Amino acid sequence: MDLNDKVVIVTGGAGGLGEAYSREIVAMGGKVMIGDLLVDKAAAVAADLGDAARSQHLDVTDPDSWQDIVTATEEAFGKVTGLVNNAGASASGVRLIDESPETFRKIVDINLYGVFLGMRSVIPALRRADGGSIVNISSAAGMVGMALTGGYGAAKWGVRGMTKLSAVELAPENIRVNSVHPGMVLTPMTAPTGITLDEGGFPSAPAGRVGRPEELTGAVTYLLSDAASYTTGAELAVDGGWTAGPAMTELGQNSD
């Protein structure tokens, strides 16, 4: 499996999971356009990756910003063959009834409306390339009812549903759309919660620990590759078993 001849736009690619995806795409032979509000960080990552990477300012809630990055990608690398809708805002950590309308709308705008705009802007480019792959990054919070996620959980469920309906609509055009659902992964966005990579540090997941960004990259690059040519409308949880069921310790049993 490789990504030779693939050209992929990655949103939120300046750090965390987005940076990991960007680096793996290049490592597998592809080219990447890193879109982010953090222009200097995105440029530094692209410079480190060399000629196979570029960066561009991107506000995922702005249609014009999306058009700019699609144009810049085609000018730099030719046909666009993939999109990783990764940029997101974290949950507010309060009950839905306590989330302000302003916070709810902001989180939904970034996590759901931004994904819609990304697909809407990139699909014409994928058509010009005679097909391609869209990978929407949802969340474990888009697979189960997760308390204290409010607008974030609502948006990630929306991403899951939008992925499926788009997969049905776009399949005749050789455009695949799938979603990846990370569990708790240690990134700059989740670090303030105090999570660590220690074994047993996340007992809610059967794996007993949080994930590392590089443990998510295989799912994303598989879906971008030709190895997934018959995979569309799928949802892939990469969460240490979190959404599969309660951990053995939560059932009162140890791992022995």
C-alpha atoms as a PDB file:
ATOM      1  CA  MET A   1       0.000   0.000   0.000  1.00  0.00           C
ATOM      2  CA  ASP A   2       1.327   3.436  -0.932  1.00  0.00           C
ATOM      3  CA  LEU A   3       0.133   6.934  -1.741  1.00  0.00           C
ATOM      4  CA  ASN A   4       2.186   7.503  -4.854  1.00  0.00           C
ATOM      5  CA  ASP A   5       0.498  10.048  -7.135  1.00  0.00           C
ATOM      6  CA  LYS A   6      -1.911  11.090  -4.358  1.00  0.00           C
ATOM      7  CA  VAL A   7      -2.390  14.769  -3.539  1.00  0.00           C
ATOM      8  CA  VAL A   8      -4.207  15.376  -0.274  1.00  0.00           C
ATOM      9  CA  ILE A   9      -5.449  18.454   1.574  1.00  0.00           C
ATOM     10  CA  VAL A  10      -5.246  18.027   5.357  1.00  0.00           C
ATOM     11  CA  THR A  11      -7.054  20.535   7.555  1.00  0.00           C
ATOM     12  CA  GLY A  12      -5.722  21.348  10.985  1.00  0.00           C
ATOM     13  CA  GLY A  13      -2.423  19.883   9.832  1.00  0.00           C
ATOM     14  CA  ALA A  14      -0.088  22.126  11.840  1.00  0.00           C
ATOM     15  CA  GLY A  15      -0.130  19.917  14.933  1.00  0.00           C
ATOM     16  CA  GLY A  16      -1.630  16.952  16.748  1.00  0.00           C
ATOM     17  CA  LEU A  17      -3.411  14.360  14.639  1.00  0.00           C
ATOM     18  CA  GLY A  18      -3.374  16.536  11.529  1.00  0.00           C
ATOM     19  CA  GLU A  19       0.395  16.813  11.602  1.00  0.00           C
ATOM     20  CA  ALA A  20       0.688  13.046  12.064  1.00  0.00           C
ATOM     21  CA  TYR A  21      -1.557  12.450   9.043  1.00  0.00           C
ATOM     22  CA  SER A  22       0.424  14.931   6.952  1.00  0.00           C
ATOM     23  CA  ARG A  23       3.745  13.343   7.813  1.00  0.00           C
ATOM     24  CA  GLU A  24       2.508   9.830   7.065  1.00  0.00           C
ATOM     25  CA  ILE A  25       1.037  10.860   3.709  1.00  0.00           C
ATOM     26  CA  VAL A  26       4.438  12.155   2.623  1.00  0.00           C
ATOM     27  CA  ALA A  27       6.227   9.115   4.086  1.00  0.00           C
ATOM     28  CA  MET A  28       4.010   6.922   1.901  1.00  0.00           C
ATOM     29  CA  GLY A  29       4.848   8.789  -1.285  1.00  0.00           C
ATOM     30  CA  GLY A  30       2.023  11.295  -1.425  1.00  0.00           C
ATOM     31  CA  LYS A  31       1.917  15.079  -1.517  1.00  0.00           C
ATOM     32  CA  VAL A  32       0.129  17.171   1.072  1.00  0.00           C
ATOM     33  CA  MET A  33      -1.281  20.670   1.387  1.00  0.00           C
ATOM     34  CA  ILE A  34      -1.498  21.587   5.063  1.00  0.00           C
ATOM     35  CA  GLY A  35      -4.349  23.962   5.834  1.00  0.00           C
ATOM     36  CA  ASP A  36      -4.458  25.682   9.206  1.00  0.00           C
ATOM     37  CA  LEU A  37      -5.143  28.947  10.980  1.00  0.00           C
ATOM     38  CA  LEU A  38      -1.700  28.570  12.585  1.00  0.00           C
ATOM     39  CA  VAL A  39       0.147  29.748   9.507  1.00  0.00           C
ATOM     40  CA  ASP A  40       3.673  29.750  10.936  1.00  0.00           C
ATOM     41  CA  LYS A  41       3.340  26.283  12.464  1.00  0.00           C
ATOM     42  CA  ALA A  42       1.879  24.880   9.254  1.00  0.00           C
ATOM     43  CA  ALA A  43       4.699  26.420   7.236  1.00  0.00           C
ATOM     44  CA  ALA A  44       7.283  24.896   9.587  1.00  0.00           C
ATOM     45  CA  VAL A  45       5.792  21.422   9.208  1.00  0.00           C
ATOM     46  CA  ALA A  46       5.647  21.788   5.429  1.00  0.00           C
ATOM     47  CA  ALA A  47       9.256  22.989   5.294  1.00  0.00           C
ATOM     48  CA  ASP A  48      10.352  20.001   7.351  1.00  0.00           C
ATOM     49  CA  LEU A  49       8.574  17.647   4.944  1.00  0.00           C
ATOM     50  CA  GLY A  50      10.268  19.126   1.893  1.00  0.00           C
ATOM     51  CA  ASP A  51       9.070  19.448  -1.689  1.00  0.00           C
ATOM     52  CA  ALA A  52       6.133  17.074  -1.165  1.00  0.00           C
ATOM     53  CA  ALA A  53       4.399  19.505   1.181  1.00  0.00           C
ATOM     54  CA  ARG A  54       2.980  23.010   1.095  1.00  0.00           C
ATOM     55  CA  SER A  55       0.954  25.038   3.561  1.00  0.00           C
ATOM     56  CA  GLN A  56      -1.879  27.506   3.253  1.00  0.00           C
ATOM     57  CA  HIS A  57      -3.928  29.629   5.624  1.00  0.00           C
ATOM     58  CA  LEU A  58      -7.331  27.994   6.055  1.00  0.00           C
ATOM     59  CA  ASP A  59     -10.392  29.003   8.032  1.00  0.00           C
ATOM     60  CA  VAL A  60     -12.643  25.974   7.615  1.00  0.00           C
ATOM     61  CA  THR A  61     -15.746  28.093   8.297  1.00  0.00           C
ATOM     62  CA  ASP A  62     -15.002  30.453   5.384  1.00  0.00           C
ATOM     63  CA  PRO A  63     -16.040  29.329   1.854  1.00  0.00           C
ATOM     64  CA  ASP A  64     -13.573  31.723   0.211  1.00  0.00           C
ATOM     65  CA  SER A  65     -10.714  30.325   2.279  1.00  0.00           C
ATOM     66  CA  TRP A  66     -11.625  26.851   1.054  1.00  0.00           C
ATOM     67  CA  GLN A  67     -11.601  27.960  -2.561  1.00  0.00           C
ATOM     68  CA  ASP A  68      -8.177  29.504  -2.032  1.00  0.00           C
ATOM     69  CA  ILE A  69      -6.649  26.287  -0.681  1.00  0.00           C
ATOM     70  CA  VAL A  70      -8.110  24.141  -3.466  1.00  0.00           C
ATOM     71  CA  THR A  71      -6.701  26.527  -6.070  1.00  0.00           C
ATOM     72  CA  ALA A  72      -3.312  26.656  -4.337  1.00  0.00           C
ATOM     73  CA  THR A  73      -3.147  22.852  -4.158  1.00  0.00           C
ATOM     74  CA  GLU A  74      -3.913  22.393  -7.845  1.00  0.00           C
ATOM     75  CA  GLU A  75      -1.350  25.039  -8.758  1.00  0.00           C
ATOM     76  CA  ALA A  76       1.324  23.405  -6.583  1.00  0.00           C
ATOM     77  CA  PHE A  77       0.710  19.719  -7.286  1.00  0.00           C
ATOM     78  CA  GLY A  78      -1.840  19.281 -10.041  1.00  0.00           C
ATOM     79  CA  LYS A  79      -4.985  17.257  -9.493  1.00  0.00           C
ATOM     80  CA  VAL A  80      -6.349  16.910  -5.964  1.00  0.00           C
ATOM     81  CA  THR A  81      -7.149  13.285  -5.089  1.00  0.00           C
ATOM     82  CA  GLY A  82      -7.929  13.427  -1.383  1.00  0.00           C
ATOM     83  CA  LEU A  83      -9.171  15.440   1.572  1.00  0.00           C
ATOM     84  CA  VAL A  84      -8.763  14.794   5.282  1.00  0.00           C
ATOM     85  CA  ASN A  85     -11.320  16.900   7.148  1.00  0.00           C
ATOM     86  CA  ASN A  86      -9.458  16.942  10.452  1.00  0.00           C
ATOM     87  CA  ALA A  87      -9.682  20.488  11.864  1.00  0.00           C
ATOM     88  CA  GLY A  88     -11.862  20.701  14.930  1.00  0.00           C
ATOM     89  CA  ALA A  89     -12.691  22.379  18.206  1.00  0.00           C
ATOM     90  CA  SER A  90     -12.879  20.440  21.464  1.00  0.00           C
ATOM     91  CA  ALA A  91     -15.944  19.870  23.621  1.00  0.00           C
ATOM     92  CA  SER A  92     -16.891  22.462  26.208  1.00  0.00           C
ATOM     93  CA  GLY A  93     -17.044  19.882  29.002  1.00  0.00           C
ATOM     94  CA  VAL A  94     -20.414  20.973  30.347  1.00  0.00           C
ATOM     95  CA  ARG A  95     -23.915  19.515  30.235  1.00  0.00           C
ATOM     96  CA  LEU A  96     -25.903  20.389  27.133  1.00  0.00           C
ATOM     97  CA  ILE A  97     -28.346  22.485  29.170  1.00  0.00           C
ATOM     98  CA  ASP A  98     -25.415  24.554  30.449  1.00  0.00           C
ATOM     99  CA  GLU A  99     -23.742  25.145  27.088  1.00  0.00           C
ATOM    100  CA  SER A 100     -24.282  28.662  25.806  1.00  0.00           C
ATOM    101  CA  PRO A 101     -25.863  29.114  22.385  1.00  0.00           C
ATOM    102  CA  GLU A 102     -22.755  30.993  21.265  1.00  0.00           C
ATOM    103  CA  THR A 103     -20.417  28.153  22.270  1.00  0.00           C
ATOM    104  CA  PHE A 104     -22.678  25.513  20.765  1.00  0.00           C
ATOM    105  CA  ARG A 105     -22.834  27.328  17.430  1.00  0.00           C
ATOM    106  CA  LYS A 106     -19.077  27.974  17.322  1.00  0.00           C
ATOM    107  CA  ILE A 107     -18.245  24.317  17.977  1.00  0.00           C
ATOM    108  CA  VAL A 108     -20.775  23.093  15.407  1.00  0.00           C
ATOM    109  CA  ASP A 109     -19.552  25.629  12.857  1.00  0.00           C
ATOM    110  CA  ILE A 110     -15.979  24.323  13.071  1.00  0.00           C
ATOM    111  CA  ASN A 111     -16.695  20.606  13.466  1.00  0.00           C
ATOM    112  CA  LEU A 112     -19.670  20.161  11.129  1.00  0.00           C
ATOM    113  CA  TYR A 113     -20.163  23.199   8.909  1.00  0.00           C
ATOM    114  CA  GLY A 114     -16.421  23.222   8.218  1.00  0.00           C
ATOM    115  CA  VAL A 115     -16.572  19.600   7.056  1.00  0.00           C
ATOM    116  CA  PHE A 116     -19.528  20.416   4.808  1.00  0.00           C
ATOM    117  CA  LEU A 117     -17.652  23.343   3.265  1.00  0.00           C
ATOM    118  CA  GLY A 118     -14.579  21.182   2.776  1.00  0.00           C
ATOM    119  CA  MET A 119     -16.483  18.516   0.881  1.00  0.00           C
ATOM    120  CA  ARG A 120     -18.431  21.092  -1.100  1.00  0.00           C
ATOM    121  CA  SER A 121     -15.211  22.831  -2.161  1.00  0.00           C
ATOM    122  CA  VAL A 122     -13.075  19.763  -2.876  1.00  0.00           C
ATOM    123  CA  ILE A 123     -15.611  17.578  -4.700  1.00  0.00           C
ATOM    124  CA  PRO A 124     -15.313  19.583  -7.956  1.00  0.00           C
ATOM    125  CA  ALA A 125     -11.533  19.095  -7.805  1.00  0.00           C
ATOM    126  CA  LEU A 126     -11.965  15.362  -7.215  1.00  0.00           C
ATOM    127  CA  ARG A 127     -14.261  15.236 -10.237  1.00  0.00           C
ATOM    128  CA  ARG A 128     -11.529  16.889 -12.297  1.00  0.00           C
ATOM    129  CA  ALA A 129      -9.203  14.138 -11.063  1.00  0.00           C
ATOM    130  CA  ASP A 130     -11.733  11.444 -12.102  1.00  0.00           C
ATOM    131  CA  GLY A 131     -12.305  10.421  -8.511  1.00  0.00           C
ATOM    132  CA  GLY A 132     -10.719  10.411  -5.087  1.00  0.00           C
ATOM    133  CA  SER A 133     -11.173   9.906  -1.376  1.00  0.00           C
ATOM    134  CA  ILE A 134     -12.563  12.045   1.426  1.00  0.00           C
ATOM    135  CA  VAL A 135     -11.775  11.054   5.014  1.00  0.00           C
ATOM    136  CA  ASN A 136     -13.861  12.865   7.602  1.00  0.00           C
ATOM    137  CA  ILE A 137     -12.472  12.778  11.130  1.00  0.00           C
ATOM    138  CA  SER A 138     -15.405  12.269  13.482  1.00  0.00           C
ATOM    139  CA  SER A 139     -14.924  10.931  17.015  1.00  0.00           C
ATOM    140  CA  ALA A 140     -15.888   8.207  19.442  1.00  0.00           C
ATOM    141  CA  ALA A 141     -18.355  10.892  20.563  1.00  0.00           C
ATOM    142  CA  GLY A 142     -20.000  10.469  17.169  1.00  0.00           C
ATOM    143  CA  MET A 143     -20.710   6.788  17.816  1.00  0.00           C
ATOM    144  CA  VAL A 144     -22.131   6.733  21.349  1.00  0.00           C
ATOM    145  CA  GLY A 145     -23.955   9.178  23.569  1.00  0.00           C
ATOM    146  CA  MET A 146     -21.108  10.832  25.442  1.00  0.00           C
ATOM    147  CA  ALA A 147     -22.038  13.154  28.283  1.00  0.00           C
ATOM    148  CA  LEU A 148     -20.486  16.618  28.543  1.00  0.00           C
ATOM    149  CA  THR A 149     -19.697  16.882  24.830  1.00  0.00           C
ATOM    150  CA  GLY A 150     -22.641  19.088  23.840  1.00  0.00           C
ATOM    151  CA  GLY A 151     -22.148  20.739  20.470  1.00  0.00           C
ATOM    152  CA  TYR A 152     -19.042  18.642  19.856  1.00  0.00           C
ATOM    153  CA  GLY A 153     -20.930  15.363  20.178  1.00  0.00           C
ATOM    154  CA  ALA A 154     -23.797  16.686  18.072  1.00  0.00           C
ATOM    155  CA  ALA A 155     -21.395  17.828  15.358  1.00  0.00           C
ATOM    156  CA  LYS A 156     -19.451  14.560  15.308  1.00  0.00           C
ATOM    157  CA  TRP A 157     -22.681  12.580  14.935  1.00  0.00           C
ATOM    158  CA  GLY A 158     -23.503  14.949  12.084  1.00  0.00           C
ATOM    159  CA  VAL A 159     -20.165  14.247  10.427  1.00  0.00           C
ATOM    160  CA  ARG A 160     -20.892  10.529  10.649  1.00  0.00           C
ATOM    161  CA  GLY A 161     -24.277  10.933   8.971  1.00  0.00           C
ATOM    162  CA  MET A 162     -23.053  13.386   6.342  1.00  0.00           C
ATOM    163  CA  THR A 163     -20.285  10.945   5.469  1.00  0.00           C
ATOM    164  CA  LYS A 164     -22.762   8.169   4.746  1.00  0.00           C
ATOM    165  CA  LEU A 165     -25.180  10.181   2.638  1.00  0.00           C
ATOM    166  CA  SER A 166     -22.284  11.663   0.664  1.00  0.00           C
ATOM    167  CA  ALA A 167     -20.836   8.208   0.087  1.00  0.00           C
ATOM    168  CA  VAL A 168     -24.114   7.121  -1.481  1.00  0.00           C
ATOM    169  CA  GLU A 169     -24.416  10.235  -3.625  1.00  0.00           C
ATOM    170  CA  LEU A 170     -20.815  10.236  -4.834  1.00  0.00           C
ATOM    171  CA  ALA A 171     -20.133   6.535  -5.394  1.00  0.00           C
ATOM    172  CA  PRO A 172     -21.140   6.690  -9.093  1.00  0.00           C
ATOM    173  CA  GLU A 173     -18.431   9.331  -9.591  1.00  0.00           C
ATOM    174  CA  ASN A 174     -15.643   7.219  -8.103  1.00  0.00           C
ATOM    175  CA  ILE A 175     -15.449   9.468  -5.040  1.00  0.00           C
ATOM    176  CA  ARG A 176     -15.269   7.587  -1.761  1.00  0.00           C
ATOM    177  CA  VAL A 177     -16.274   9.127   1.591  1.00  0.00           C
ATOM    178  CA  ASN A 178     -15.471   7.462   4.919  1.00  0.00           C
ATOM    179  CA  SER A 179     -15.205   8.511   8.544  1.00  0.00           C
ATOM    180  CA  VAL A 180     -12.579   7.773  11.172  1.00  0.00           C
ATOM    181  CA  HIS A 181     -13.562   7.916  14.842  1.00  0.00           C
ATOM    182  CA  PRO A 182     -10.628   8.509  17.203  1.00  0.00           C
ATOM    183  CA  GLY A 183     -10.971   7.753  20.873  1.00  0.00           C
ATOM    184  CA  MET A 184      -8.923   9.539  23.504  1.00  0.00           C
ATOM    185  CA  VAL A 185      -5.592  10.427  21.884  1.00  0.00           C
ATOM    186  CA  LEU A 186      -2.823  12.484  23.464  1.00  0.00           C
ATOM    187  CA  THR A 187      -2.524  15.690  21.416  1.00  0.00           C
ATOM    188  CA  PRO A 188      -2.089  19.380  22.283  1.00  0.00           C
ATOM    189  CA  MET A 189      -5.903  19.667  22.260  1.00  0.00           C
ATOM    190  CA  THR A 190      -6.415  16.866  24.810  1.00  0.00           C
ATOM    191  CA  ALA A 191      -3.282  17.420  26.934  1.00  0.00           C
ATOM    192  CA  PRO A 192      -5.009  19.988  29.224  1.00  0.00           C
ATOM    193  CA  THR A 193      -7.277  17.195  30.498  1.00  0.00           C
ATOM    194  CA  GLY A 194      -4.247  15.666  32.223  1.00  0.00           C
ATOM    195  CA  ILE A 195      -4.237  12.378  30.298  1.00  0.00           C
ATOM    196  CA  THR A 196      -0.968  10.500  29.886  1.00  0.00           C
ATOM    197  CA  LEU A 197       0.345   7.587  27.851  1.00  0.00           C
ATOM    198  CA  ASP A 198       0.836   5.463  30.968  1.00  0.00           C
ATOM    199  CA  GLU A 199      -0.546   1.941  30.897  1.00  0.00           C
ATOM    200  CA  GLY A 200      -3.777   1.945  32.878  1.00  0.00           C
ATOM    201  CA  GLY A 201      -4.044   5.693  32.450  1.00  0.00           C
ATOM    202  CA  PHE A 202      -7.387   5.479  30.648  1.00  0.00           C
ATOM    203  CA  PRO A 203      -9.336   2.616  32.220  1.00  0.00           C
ATOM    204  CA  SER A 204     -12.545   3.454  30.333  1.00  0.00           C
ATOM    205  CA  ALA A 205     -11.068   1.896  27.177  1.00  0.00           C
ATOM    206  CA  PRO A 206     -10.510  -1.877  27.066  1.00  0.00           C
ATOM    207  CA  ALA A 207      -6.958  -1.124  25.909  1.00  0.00           C
ATOM    208  CA  GLY A 208      -6.472   0.647  29.229  1.00  0.00           C
ATOM    209  CA  ARG A 209      -4.616   3.618  27.805  1.00  0.00           C
ATOM    210  CA  VAL A 210      -4.950   6.591  25.504  1.00  0.00           C
ATOM    211  CA  GLY A 211      -3.723   6.482  21.940  1.00  0.00           C
ATOM    212  CA  ARG A 212      -0.739   8.086  20.240  1.00  0.00           C
ATOM    213  CA  PRO A 213      -1.241  10.192  17.079  1.00  0.00           C
ATOM    214  CA  GLU A 214       0.798   7.763  14.980  1.00  0.00           C
ATOM    215  CA  GLU A 215      -1.665   4.997  15.889  1.00  0.00           C
ATOM    216  CA  LEU A 216      -4.358   6.842  13.916  1.00  0.00           C
ATOM    217  CA  THR A 217      -2.416   7.368  10.715  1.00  0.00           C
ATOM    218  CA  GLY A 218      -2.808   3.851   9.306  1.00  0.00           C
ATOM    219  CA  ALA A 219      -6.596   4.107   9.239  1.00  0.00           C
ATOM    220  CA  VAL A 220      -6.491   7.425   7.406  1.00  0.00           C
ATOM    221  CA  THR A 221      -3.841   6.491   4.856  1.00  0.00           C
ATOM    222  CA  TYR A 222      -5.591   3.192   4.126  1.00  0.00           C
ATOM    223  CA  LEU A 223      -8.790   5.051   3.274  1.00  0.00           C
ATOM    224  CA  LEU A 224      -6.873   7.503   1.081  1.00  0.00           C
ATOM    225  CA  SER A 225      -5.140   4.688  -0.796  1.00  0.00           C
ATOM    226  CA  ASP A 226      -6.223   2.500  -3.685  1.00  0.00           C
ATOM    227  CA  ALA A 227      -6.245  -0.433  -1.258  1.00  0.00           C
ATOM    228  CA  ALA A 228      -9.594   0.956  -0.067  1.00  0.00           C
ATOM    229  CA  SER A 229     -11.060   1.236  -3.576  1.00  0.00           C
ATOM    230  CA  TYR A 230     -14.200  -0.716  -2.561  1.00  0.00           C
ATOM    231  CA  THR A 231     -14.620   0.989   0.812  1.00  0.00           C
ATOM    232  CA  THR A 232     -17.061   3.872   1.051  1.00  0.00           C
ATOM    233  CA  GLY A 233     -19.587   4.959   3.638  1.00  0.00           C
ATOM    234  CA  ALA A 234     -17.633   3.103   6.310  1.00  0.00           C
ATOM    235  CA  GLU A 235     -16.908   4.248   9.848  1.00  0.00           C
ATOM    236  CA  LEU A 236     -13.663   3.128  11.426  1.00  0.00           C
ATOM    237  CA  ALA A 237     -13.234   3.437  15.188  1.00  0.00           C
ATOM    238  CA  VAL A 238      -9.634   3.760  16.362  1.00  0.00           C
ATOM    239  CA  ASP A 239     -10.290   4.037  20.060  1.00  0.00           C
ATOM    240  CA  GLY A 240      -8.731   1.152  21.981  1.00  0.00           C
ATOM    241  CA  GLY A 241     -12.121  -0.558  22.085  1.00  0.00           C
ATOM    242  CA  TRP A 242     -13.803   2.352  23.864  1.00  0.00           C
ATOM    243  CA  THR A 243     -16.982   2.219  21.772  1.00  0.00           C
ATOM    244  CA  ALA A 244     -17.019  -1.598  21.621  1.00  0.00           C
ATOM    245  CA  GLY A 245     -18.116  -2.028  25.221  1.00  0.00           C
ATOM    246  CA  PRO A 246     -17.129  -1.557  28.858  1.00  0.00           C
ATOM    247  CA  ALA A 247     -13.577  -2.358  29.875  1.00  0.00           C
ATOM    248  CA  MET A 248     -13.115  -5.562  31.874  1.00  0.00           C
ATOM    249  CA  THR A 249     -12.118  -3.490  34.910  1.00  0.00           C
ATOM    250  CA  GLU A 250     -15.407  -1.642  34.719  1.00  0.00           C
ATOM    251  CA  LEU A 251     -17.173  -4.991  34.868  1.00  0.00           C
ATOM    252  CA  GLY A 252     -15.366  -5.835  38.067  1.00  0.00           C
ATOM    253  CA  GLN A 253     -12.843  -8.184  36.416  1.00  0.00           C
ATOM    254  CA  ASN A 254      -9.112  -7.754  36.031  1.00  0.00           C
ATOM    255  CA  SER A 255      -7.215  -8.438  32.824  1.00  0.00           C
ATOM    256  CA  ASP A 256      -6.139 -11.880  34.081  1.00  0.00           C
END
